[in-house]
Amino acid sequence: MVIGLVAAGLCCWLPAGCRWPPLQRVAARVESDAGDARVTLARAGERTLVEIRSPSGIGHSRITLAEPPPGPLEFRLHLAGLEHFSLAYGETVVSVAAAQNGAPVLVTVQAAGLPVQPVAPGSPHWMAVYPPAPGSADPLYRVIAPPDWGEQRLQVLEIGWIDFYR
C-alpha cells in the first residue's frame, strides 16, 4: 500500500513553443493494492491529471482528495492495452473497455444498485477514451471522467485497471 502526498511542479511545453499551464500540486492520499503501480496527481489549469504507471498491468487504487477538483478529471494510463478501467464514486461505477482491434469503446454504468447499463456518448456517465498513437514507445490511454462525477464534486474515488494479457 502506498500512501502519501502526491505532487508535481514541472512545466510542459508544446514543440511549437506554446506553453501549457504549469503543473501544480494536488494534495491527496493514494492507497494502492498493486505493489508496482505508481499513481500520481497534478493539476494543469482547471484539469486534474491522474497518472497511472503499472508494469504488471493490473491494479486498484483508492484516492482521497484534500478538496474537490475545480474542473475535469483525466486519467492517463501507461499501458499496452486497456482491457478494463473502472471509476467508482458515490454509488456509481462507470467502466470502459477499449479493444485493441479498433472496435468501438464499450462504456457501462451501474448506479445505486441498479443493473449494469450501456452508456452512449452525450450521457452524463460517458467516459471519453483516447488511445495511444500507433507505434508509441510509451503507450498512453487517456480517459476523461464523466460529467456526472464532476457535478457531484466528490473527494473519494476508486479506480481499477487491467491491461491486455501480454
N, C-alpha and C. Protein backbone atom coordinates (compact mmCIF):
# COMPACT_ATOMS: atom_id res chain seq x y z
N MET A 1 0.84 -1.16 0.00
CA MET A 1 0.00 0.00 0.00
C MET A 1 0.90 1.23 0.00
N VAL A 2 0.55 2.16 -0.85
CA VAL A 2 1.31 3.40 -0.92
C VAL A 2 0.40 4.52 -0.47
N ILE A 3 0.83 5.27 0.52
CA ILE A 3 0.05 6.41 0.99
C ILE A 3 0.99 7.61 1.00
N GLY A 4 0.53 8.71 0.50
CA GLY A 4 1.39 9.87 0.56
C GLY A 4 0.79 11.09 -0.09
N LEU A 5 1.48 12.18 0.05
CA LEU A 5 1.11 13.41 -0.62
C LEU A 5 1.71 13.34 -2.00
N VAL A 6 0.89 13.49 -3.00
CA VAL A 6 1.34 13.35 -4.37
C VAL A 6 1.45 14.74 -4.98
N ALA A 7 2.58 15.01 -5.63
CA ALA A 7 2.76 16.35 -6.17
C ALA A 7 3.64 16.34 -7.40
N ALA A 8 3.51 17.39 -8.18
CA ALA A 8 4.40 17.61 -9.32
C ALA A 8 4.53 19.11 -9.50
N GLY A 9 5.64 19.58 -9.98
CA GLY A 9 5.85 21.01 -10.14
C GLY A 9 6.62 21.34 -11.40
N LEU A 10 6.32 20.68 -12.49
CA LEU A 10 7.04 20.89 -13.73
C LEU A 10 6.20 21.70 -14.70
N CYS A 11 6.82 22.24 -15.70
CA CYS A 11 6.10 22.95 -16.77
C CYS A 11 6.13 22.09 -18.03
N CYS A 12 5.08 22.18 -18.82
CA CYS A 12 5.02 21.45 -20.09
C CYS A 12 5.10 22.46 -21.22
N TRP A 13 5.75 22.08 -22.29
CA TRP A 13 5.89 22.95 -23.45
C TRP A 13 5.49 22.18 -24.70
N LEU A 14 4.77 22.81 -25.59
CA LEU A 14 4.47 22.22 -26.90
C LEU A 14 5.68 22.42 -27.80
N PRO A 15 5.88 21.53 -28.78
CA PRO A 15 7.02 21.69 -29.69
C PRO A 15 7.04 23.05 -30.38
N ALA A 16 5.87 23.63 -30.65
CA ALA A 16 5.82 24.92 -31.34
C ALA A 16 6.17 26.08 -30.42
N GLY A 17 6.38 25.82 -29.15
CA GLY A 17 6.75 26.88 -28.23
C GLY A 17 5.59 27.41 -27.40
N CYS A 18 4.37 26.93 -27.65
CA CYS A 18 3.24 27.36 -26.84
C CYS A 18 3.32 26.69 -25.48
N ARG A 19 2.97 27.40 -24.46
CA ARG A 19 3.13 26.89 -23.11
C ARG A 19 1.81 26.36 -22.57
N TRP A 20 1.84 25.15 -22.03
CA TRP A 20 0.71 24.58 -21.31
C TRP A 20 0.71 25.19 -19.92
N PRO A 21 -0.41 25.15 -19.22
CA PRO A 21 -0.37 25.64 -17.84
C PRO A 21 0.62 24.80 -17.03
N PRO A 22 1.33 25.43 -16.10
CA PRO A 22 2.27 24.66 -15.28
C PRO A 22 1.50 23.66 -14.41
N LEU A 23 2.14 22.53 -14.15
CA LEU A 23 1.54 21.53 -13.27
C LEU A 23 1.68 22.01 -11.83
N GLN A 24 0.61 21.82 -11.06
CA GLN A 24 0.61 22.25 -9.66
C GLN A 24 0.35 21.07 -8.75
N ARG A 25 0.69 21.23 -7.51
CA ARG A 25 0.49 20.18 -6.51
C ARG A 25 -0.99 19.87 -6.31
N VAL A 26 -1.26 18.61 -6.08
CA VAL A 26 -2.60 18.16 -5.69
C VAL A 26 -2.43 17.36 -4.42
N ALA A 27 -3.03 17.82 -3.35
CA ALA A 27 -2.95 17.10 -2.08
C ALA A 27 -3.94 15.95 -2.11
N ALA A 28 -3.43 14.74 -1.94
CA ALA A 28 -4.27 13.54 -1.99
C ALA A 28 -3.59 12.40 -1.27
N ARG A 29 -4.41 11.47 -0.80
CA ARG A 29 -3.90 10.22 -0.25
C ARG A 29 -4.24 9.13 -1.26
N VAL A 30 -3.24 8.35 -1.64
CA VAL A 30 -3.43 7.28 -2.62
C VAL A 30 -3.11 5.96 -1.93
N GLU A 31 -4.07 5.04 -1.94
CA GLU A 31 -3.86 3.69 -1.40
C GLU A 31 -4.00 2.74 -2.58
N SER A 32 -2.98 1.92 -2.80
CA SER A 32 -2.96 1.05 -3.97
C SER A 32 -2.66 -0.38 -3.55
N ASP A 33 -3.35 -1.34 -4.20
CA ASP A 33 -3.09 -2.75 -3.89
C ASP A 33 -2.09 -3.38 -4.86
N ALA A 34 -1.68 -2.63 -5.86
CA ALA A 34 -0.71 -3.15 -6.83
C ALA A 34 0.68 -2.69 -6.40
N GLY A 35 1.53 -3.62 -6.02
CA GLY A 35 2.85 -3.28 -5.49
C GLY A 35 3.71 -2.48 -6.43
N ASP A 36 3.57 -2.69 -7.75
CA ASP A 36 4.44 -1.99 -8.69
C ASP A 36 3.77 -0.76 -9.30
N ALA A 37 2.52 -0.49 -8.94
CA ALA A 37 1.81 0.64 -9.53
C ALA A 37 2.25 1.95 -8.90
N ARG A 38 2.32 2.97 -9.74
CA ARG A 38 2.61 4.32 -9.26
C ARG A 38 1.49 5.22 -9.75
N VAL A 39 0.75 5.81 -8.82
CA VAL A 39 -0.36 6.70 -9.14
C VAL A 39 0.00 8.08 -8.60
N THR A 40 0.07 9.06 -9.48
CA THR A 40 0.41 10.42 -9.07
C THR A 40 -0.64 11.39 -9.59
N LEU A 41 -0.78 12.52 -8.92
CA LEU A 41 -1.75 13.53 -9.31
C LEU A 41 -1.08 14.88 -9.47
N ALA A 42 -1.58 15.66 -10.43
CA ALA A 42 -1.12 17.03 -10.65
C ALA A 42 -2.27 17.81 -11.27
N ARG A 43 -2.22 19.11 -11.17
CA ARG A 43 -3.25 19.96 -11.77
C ARG A 43 -2.60 20.82 -12.85
N ALA A 44 -3.24 20.84 -14.01
CA ALA A 44 -2.82 21.69 -15.13
C ALA A 44 -3.99 22.62 -15.42
N GLY A 45 -3.91 23.86 -14.95
CA GLY A 45 -5.04 24.77 -15.07
C GLY A 45 -6.20 24.23 -14.25
N GLU A 46 -7.36 24.07 -14.87
CA GLU A 46 -8.54 23.53 -14.17
C GLU A 46 -8.58 22.00 -14.20
N ARG A 47 -7.76 21.37 -15.04
CA ARG A 47 -7.79 19.92 -15.23
C ARG A 47 -6.90 19.23 -14.21
N THR A 48 -7.44 18.18 -13.56
CA THR A 48 -6.66 17.36 -12.64
C THR A 48 -6.24 16.10 -13.38
N LEU A 49 -4.94 15.80 -13.37
CA LEU A 49 -4.38 14.65 -14.07
C LEU A 49 -4.02 13.57 -13.08
N VAL A 50 -4.49 12.35 -13.34
CA VAL A 50 -4.14 11.19 -12.53
C VAL A 50 -3.30 10.28 -13.42
N GLU A 51 -2.02 10.22 -13.13
CA GLU A 51 -1.05 9.46 -13.94
C GLU A 51 -0.90 8.07 -13.33
N ILE A 52 -1.09 7.03 -14.14
CA ILE A 52 -1.01 5.65 -13.65
C ILE A 52 0.04 4.90 -14.45
N ARG A 53 1.05 4.42 -13.74
CA ARG A 53 2.09 3.56 -14.33
C ARG A 53 2.04 2.24 -13.58
N SER A 54 1.84 1.16 -14.33
CA SER A 54 1.63 -0.15 -13.72
C SER A 54 2.32 -1.22 -14.56
N PRO A 55 3.59 -1.51 -14.27
CA PRO A 55 4.31 -2.52 -15.06
C PRO A 55 3.61 -3.88 -15.12
N SER A 56 2.94 -4.29 -14.04
CA SER A 56 2.25 -5.58 -14.05
C SER A 56 0.96 -5.52 -14.85
N GLY A 57 0.43 -4.30 -15.07
CA GLY A 57 -0.75 -4.13 -15.90
C GLY A 57 -2.08 -4.31 -15.22
N ILE A 58 -2.10 -4.50 -13.92
CA ILE A 58 -3.36 -4.68 -13.21
C ILE A 58 -3.26 -4.04 -11.84
N GLY A 59 -4.34 -3.38 -11.42
CA GLY A 59 -4.29 -2.76 -10.11
C GLY A 59 -5.58 -2.07 -9.74
N HIS A 60 -5.59 -1.56 -8.52
CA HIS A 60 -6.73 -0.88 -7.95
C HIS A 60 -6.20 0.16 -6.97
N SER A 61 -6.75 1.36 -7.01
CA SER A 61 -6.34 2.40 -6.07
C SER A 61 -7.55 3.15 -5.56
N ARG A 62 -7.44 3.59 -4.32
CA ARG A 62 -8.43 4.47 -3.70
C ARG A 62 -7.74 5.81 -3.52
N ILE A 63 -8.37 6.86 -4.04
CA ILE A 63 -7.80 8.19 -3.99
C ILE A 63 -8.72 9.08 -3.16
N THR A 64 -8.15 9.72 -2.15
CA THR A 64 -8.88 10.67 -1.33
C THR A 64 -8.25 12.04 -1.55
N LEU A 65 -8.99 12.93 -2.17
CA LEU A 65 -8.51 14.27 -2.47
C LEU A 65 -8.74 15.18 -1.28
N ALA A 66 -7.82 16.10 -1.02
CA ALA A 66 -7.98 17.05 0.08
C ALA A 66 -9.16 17.99 -0.18
N GLU A 67 -9.43 18.26 -1.46
CA GLU A 67 -10.57 19.09 -1.84
C GLU A 67 -11.04 18.66 -3.23
N PRO A 68 -12.31 18.91 -3.56
CA PRO A 68 -12.79 18.52 -4.89
C PRO A 68 -12.03 19.27 -5.98
N PRO A 69 -11.74 18.62 -7.10
CA PRO A 69 -11.06 19.30 -8.21
C PRO A 69 -11.94 20.41 -8.78
N PRO A 70 -11.31 21.48 -9.30
CA PRO A 70 -12.09 22.59 -9.84
C PRO A 70 -12.68 22.32 -11.22
N GLY A 71 -12.17 21.31 -11.91
CA GLY A 71 -12.62 21.06 -13.28
C GLY A 71 -12.50 19.60 -13.64
N PRO A 72 -12.32 19.31 -14.94
CA PRO A 72 -12.28 17.93 -15.42
C PRO A 72 -11.18 17.09 -14.77
N LEU A 73 -11.44 15.79 -14.72
CA LEU A 73 -10.51 14.81 -14.18
C LEU A 73 -10.09 13.90 -15.33
N GLU A 74 -8.78 13.80 -15.56
CA GLU A 74 -8.26 12.98 -16.66
C GLU A 74 -7.32 11.92 -16.11
N PHE A 75 -7.60 10.67 -16.48
CA PHE A 75 -6.74 9.55 -16.10
C PHE A 75 -5.81 9.27 -17.27
N ARG A 76 -4.53 9.10 -16.98
CA ARG A 76 -3.52 8.85 -18.01
C ARG A 76 -2.85 7.53 -17.68
N LEU A 77 -3.27 6.48 -18.38
CA LEU A 77 -2.81 5.12 -18.10
C LEU A 77 -1.71 4.71 -19.07
N HIS A 78 -0.54 4.44 -18.53
CA HIS A 78 0.60 3.99 -19.33
C HIS A 78 0.54 2.47 -19.41
N LEU A 79 -0.26 1.97 -20.34
CA LEU A 79 -0.49 0.53 -20.50
C LEU A 79 -0.40 0.17 -21.98
N ALA A 80 -0.06 -1.07 -22.27
CA ALA A 80 0.00 -1.54 -23.65
C ALA A 80 -1.40 -1.66 -24.25
N GLY A 81 -2.40 -1.93 -23.42
CA GLY A 81 -3.78 -2.04 -23.85
C GLY A 81 -4.69 -1.72 -22.68
N LEU A 82 -5.93 -1.45 -22.96
CA LEU A 82 -6.88 -1.12 -21.90
C LEU A 82 -8.07 -2.07 -21.98
N GLU A 83 -7.87 -3.26 -21.39
CA GLU A 83 -8.95 -4.24 -21.38
C GLU A 83 -10.10 -3.76 -20.52
N HIS A 84 -9.77 -3.11 -19.39
CA HIS A 84 -10.81 -2.65 -18.47
C HIS A 84 -10.28 -1.50 -17.62
N PHE A 85 -11.13 -0.48 -17.43
CA PHE A 85 -10.86 0.61 -16.50
C PHE A 85 -12.18 0.93 -15.82
N SER A 86 -12.16 1.08 -14.50
CA SER A 86 -13.38 1.43 -13.79
C SER A 86 -13.12 2.61 -12.86
N LEU A 87 -14.15 3.42 -12.71
CA LEU A 87 -14.14 4.56 -11.81
C LEU A 87 -15.37 4.43 -10.92
N ALA A 88 -15.15 4.30 -9.61
CA ALA A 88 -16.25 4.21 -8.65
C ALA A 88 -16.27 5.48 -7.82
N TYR A 89 -17.44 6.09 -7.74
CA TYR A 89 -17.61 7.31 -6.95
C TYR A 89 -19.04 7.33 -6.41
N GLY A 90 -19.20 7.69 -5.15
CA GLY A 90 -20.53 7.66 -4.55
C GLY A 90 -21.12 6.27 -4.71
N GLU A 91 -22.32 6.19 -5.29
CA GLU A 91 -22.97 4.90 -5.52
C GLU A 91 -22.93 4.51 -7.00
N THR A 92 -21.97 5.04 -7.73
CA THR A 92 -21.88 4.84 -9.18
C THR A 92 -20.55 4.20 -9.56
N VAL A 93 -20.61 3.24 -10.49
CA VAL A 93 -19.40 2.65 -11.07
C VAL A 93 -19.53 2.75 -12.58
N VAL A 94 -18.58 3.44 -13.20
CA VAL A 94 -18.54 3.55 -14.66
C VAL A 94 -17.31 2.77 -15.13
N SER A 95 -17.50 1.92 -16.14
CA SER A 95 -16.41 1.08 -16.65
C SER A 95 -16.25 1.27 -18.15
N VAL A 96 -15.01 1.12 -18.61
CA VAL A 96 -14.74 1.18 -20.05
C VAL A 96 -13.88 -0.01 -20.45
N ALA A 97 -14.04 -0.42 -21.69
CA ALA A 97 -13.20 -1.46 -22.29
C ALA A 97 -12.85 -0.97 -23.69
N ALA A 98 -11.56 -0.94 -24.00
CA ALA A 98 -11.10 -0.47 -25.31
C ALA A 98 -10.39 -1.62 -26.01
N ALA A 99 -11.02 -2.16 -27.04
CA ALA A 99 -10.43 -3.27 -27.79
C ALA A 99 -9.21 -2.79 -28.55
N GLN A 100 -8.25 -3.69 -28.74
CA GLN A 100 -7.04 -3.34 -29.48
C GLN A 100 -7.23 -3.40 -30.99
N ASN A 101 -8.34 -3.97 -31.44
CA ASN A 101 -8.55 -4.13 -32.88
C ASN A 101 -9.30 -2.96 -33.51
N GLY A 102 -9.43 -1.86 -32.79
CA GLY A 102 -10.11 -0.69 -33.33
C GLY A 102 -11.62 -0.71 -33.16
N ALA A 103 -12.16 -1.73 -32.49
CA ALA A 103 -13.60 -1.78 -32.23
C ALA A 103 -13.99 -0.61 -31.33
N PRO A 104 -15.26 -0.22 -31.36
CA PRO A 104 -15.69 0.90 -30.52
C PRO A 104 -15.45 0.62 -29.03
N VAL A 105 -15.24 1.68 -28.29
CA VAL A 105 -15.07 1.59 -26.84
C VAL A 105 -16.43 1.26 -26.23
N LEU A 106 -16.44 0.35 -25.28
CA LEU A 106 -17.66 -0.02 -24.57
C LEU A 106 -17.64 0.67 -23.21
N VAL A 107 -18.68 1.46 -22.92
CA VAL A 107 -18.81 2.15 -21.64
C VAL A 107 -20.09 1.66 -20.99
N THR A 108 -20.00 1.28 -19.70
CA THR A 108 -21.18 0.84 -18.95
C THR A 108 -21.23 1.58 -17.62
N VAL A 109 -22.43 1.62 -17.03
CA VAL A 109 -22.61 2.25 -15.73
C VAL A 109 -23.49 1.37 -14.86
N GLN A 110 -23.18 1.34 -13.58
CA GLN A 110 -24.04 0.71 -12.59
C GLN A 110 -24.23 1.76 -11.49
N ALA A 111 -25.44 2.25 -11.36
CA ALA A 111 -25.72 3.33 -10.42
C ALA A 111 -26.71 2.88 -9.35
N ALA A 112 -26.38 3.17 -8.10
CA ALA A 112 -27.27 2.97 -6.96
C ALA A 112 -27.93 1.59 -6.94
N GLY A 113 -27.15 0.53 -7.17
CA GLY A 113 -27.66 -0.83 -7.08
C GLY A 113 -28.49 -1.29 -8.26
N LEU A 114 -28.60 -0.49 -9.30
CA LEU A 114 -29.35 -0.87 -10.50
C LEU A 114 -28.50 -1.80 -11.35
N PRO A 115 -29.10 -2.50 -12.31
CA PRO A 115 -28.31 -3.36 -13.20
C PRO A 115 -27.34 -2.54 -14.05
N VAL A 116 -26.31 -3.19 -14.54
CA VAL A 116 -25.34 -2.56 -15.42
C VAL A 116 -26.04 -2.17 -16.73
N GLN A 117 -25.79 -0.94 -17.18
CA GLN A 117 -26.40 -0.42 -18.39
C GLN A 117 -25.33 0.10 -19.34
N PRO A 118 -25.51 -0.06 -20.66
CA PRO A 118 -24.57 0.56 -21.60
C PRO A 118 -24.74 2.08 -21.57
N VAL A 119 -23.67 2.78 -21.89
CA VAL A 119 -23.67 4.24 -21.89
C VAL A 119 -23.32 4.73 -23.29
N ALA A 120 -24.03 5.73 -23.77
CA ALA A 120 -23.77 6.30 -25.09
C ALA A 120 -23.14 7.69 -24.95
N PRO A 121 -22.43 8.14 -25.98
CA PRO A 121 -21.89 9.50 -25.94
C PRO A 121 -23.01 10.50 -25.66
N GLY A 122 -22.70 11.52 -24.88
CA GLY A 122 -23.70 12.51 -24.51
C GLY A 122 -24.35 12.23 -23.18
N SER A 123 -24.24 11.00 -22.69
CA SER A 123 -24.78 10.64 -21.38
C SER A 123 -23.94 11.29 -20.29
N PRO A 124 -24.53 11.63 -19.14
CA PRO A 124 -23.73 12.17 -18.04
C PRO A 124 -22.73 11.16 -17.47
N HIS A 125 -22.85 9.88 -17.86
CA HIS A 125 -21.93 8.84 -17.39
C HIS A 125 -20.87 8.48 -18.43
N TRP A 126 -20.89 9.12 -19.60
CA TRP A 126 -19.95 8.79 -20.66
C TRP A 126 -18.52 9.16 -20.26
N MET A 127 -17.59 8.20 -20.47
CA MET A 127 -16.16 8.47 -20.28
C MET A 127 -15.50 8.38 -21.65
N ALA A 128 -14.94 9.49 -22.10
CA ALA A 128 -14.22 9.51 -23.37
C ALA A 128 -12.89 8.81 -23.18
N VAL A 129 -12.50 7.99 -24.17
CA VAL A 129 -11.23 7.27 -24.13
C VAL A 129 -10.44 7.64 -25.39
N TYR A 130 -9.20 8.05 -25.18
CA TYR A 130 -8.30 8.40 -26.28
C TYR A 130 -7.14 7.41 -26.25
N PRO A 131 -7.06 6.53 -27.27
CA PRO A 131 -5.99 5.52 -27.30
C PRO A 131 -4.64 6.15 -27.66
N PRO A 132 -3.57 5.40 -27.43
CA PRO A 132 -2.24 5.91 -27.78
C PRO A 132 -2.06 5.99 -29.30
N ALA A 133 -1.13 6.82 -29.71
CA ALA A 133 -0.78 6.90 -31.12
C ALA A 133 -0.14 5.57 -31.53
N PRO A 134 -0.43 5.07 -32.73
CA PRO A 134 0.17 3.81 -33.18
C PRO A 134 1.70 3.87 -33.11
N GLY A 135 2.29 2.80 -32.60
CA GLY A 135 3.74 2.71 -32.53
C GLY A 135 4.38 3.53 -31.42
N SER A 136 3.59 4.03 -30.47
CA SER A 136 4.14 4.83 -29.37
C SER A 136 5.13 4.02 -28.55
N ALA A 137 6.25 4.64 -28.20
CA ALA A 137 7.24 3.98 -27.33
C ALA A 137 6.70 3.83 -25.92
N ASP A 138 5.89 4.80 -25.47
CA ASP A 138 5.26 4.76 -24.15
C ASP A 138 3.75 4.89 -24.36
N PRO A 139 3.05 3.76 -24.63
CA PRO A 139 1.61 3.85 -24.90
C PRO A 139 0.87 4.53 -23.75
N LEU A 140 -0.05 5.42 -24.10
CA LEU A 140 -0.79 6.19 -23.11
C LEU A 140 -2.26 6.24 -23.50
N TYR A 141 -3.11 5.70 -22.65
CA TYR A 141 -4.55 5.82 -22.81
C TYR A 141 -5.01 6.97 -21.93
N ARG A 142 -5.77 7.90 -22.52
CA ARG A 142 -6.35 9.00 -21.76
C ARG A 142 -7.83 8.72 -21.59
N VAL A 143 -8.31 8.78 -20.35
CA VAL A 143 -9.71 8.54 -20.04
C VAL A 143 -10.21 9.75 -19.26
N ILE A 144 -11.29 10.36 -19.74
CA ILE A 144 -11.84 11.55 -19.10
C ILE A 144 -13.03 11.13 -18.23
N ALA A 145 -13.00 11.52 -16.95
CA ALA A 145 -14.09 11.18 -16.03
C ALA A 145 -15.41 11.74 -16.56
N PRO A 146 -16.52 11.06 -16.26
CA PRO A 146 -17.81 11.50 -16.79
C PRO A 146 -18.28 12.82 -16.16
N PRO A 147 -19.11 13.57 -16.88
CA PRO A 147 -19.66 14.81 -16.33
C PRO A 147 -20.36 14.60 -14.98
N ASP A 148 -21.01 13.45 -14.81
CA ASP A 148 -21.71 13.15 -13.55
C ASP A 148 -20.76 13.20 -12.36
N TRP A 149 -19.54 12.71 -12.54
CA TRP A 149 -18.56 12.75 -11.45
C TRP A 149 -18.25 14.19 -11.06
N GLY A 150 -18.01 15.03 -12.06
CA GLY A 150 -17.69 16.43 -11.79
C GLY A 150 -18.82 17.18 -11.11
N GLU A 151 -20.05 16.85 -11.47
CA GLU A 151 -21.20 17.52 -10.87
C GLU A 151 -21.35 17.18 -9.39
N GLN A 152 -20.94 15.98 -9.00
CA GLN A 152 -21.08 15.56 -7.61
C GLN A 152 -19.99 16.14 -6.71
N ARG A 153 -18.86 16.56 -7.31
CA ARG A 153 -17.76 17.18 -6.57
C ARG A 153 -17.33 16.34 -5.37
N LEU A 154 -17.16 15.06 -5.60
CA LEU A 154 -16.74 14.14 -4.55
C LEU A 154 -15.22 14.18 -4.37
N GLN A 155 -14.77 13.79 -3.20
CA GLN A 155 -13.34 13.79 -2.91
C GLN A 155 -12.75 12.39 -2.85
N VAL A 156 -13.60 11.36 -2.84
CA VAL A 156 -13.11 9.98 -2.76
C VAL A 156 -13.54 9.24 -4.02
N LEU A 157 -12.58 8.56 -4.64
CA LEU A 157 -12.88 7.77 -5.81
C LEU A 157 -12.00 6.54 -5.80
N GLU A 158 -12.47 5.50 -6.46
CA GLU A 158 -11.69 4.27 -6.60
C GLU A 158 -11.55 3.97 -8.08
N ILE A 159 -10.35 3.54 -8.46
CA ILE A 159 -10.10 3.20 -9.85
C ILE A 159 -9.51 1.80 -9.92
N GLY A 160 -9.81 1.11 -11.00
CA GLY A 160 -9.24 -0.20 -11.26
C GLY A 160 -8.87 -0.28 -12.72
N TRP A 161 -7.81 -1.02 -13.03
CA TRP A 161 -7.37 -1.13 -14.42
C TRP A 161 -6.82 -2.52 -14.69
N ILE A 162 -7.01 -2.95 -15.94
CA ILE A 162 -6.46 -4.22 -16.41
C ILE A 162 -5.93 -4.00 -17.82
N ASP A 163 -4.66 -4.30 -18.01
CA ASP A 163 -4.02 -4.26 -19.32
C ASP A 163 -4.40 -5.54 -20.06
N PHE A 164 -4.27 -5.57 -21.37
CA PHE A 164 -4.47 -6.82 -22.10
C PHE A 164 -3.38 -7.80 -21.71
N TYR A 165 -3.67 -9.08 -21.79
CA TYR A 165 -2.67 -10.11 -21.48
C TYR A 165 -1.47 -9.90 -22.39
N ARG A 166 -0.29 -9.97 -21.79
CA ARG A 166 0.93 -9.70 -22.59
C ARG A 166 1.57 -10.97 -23.03
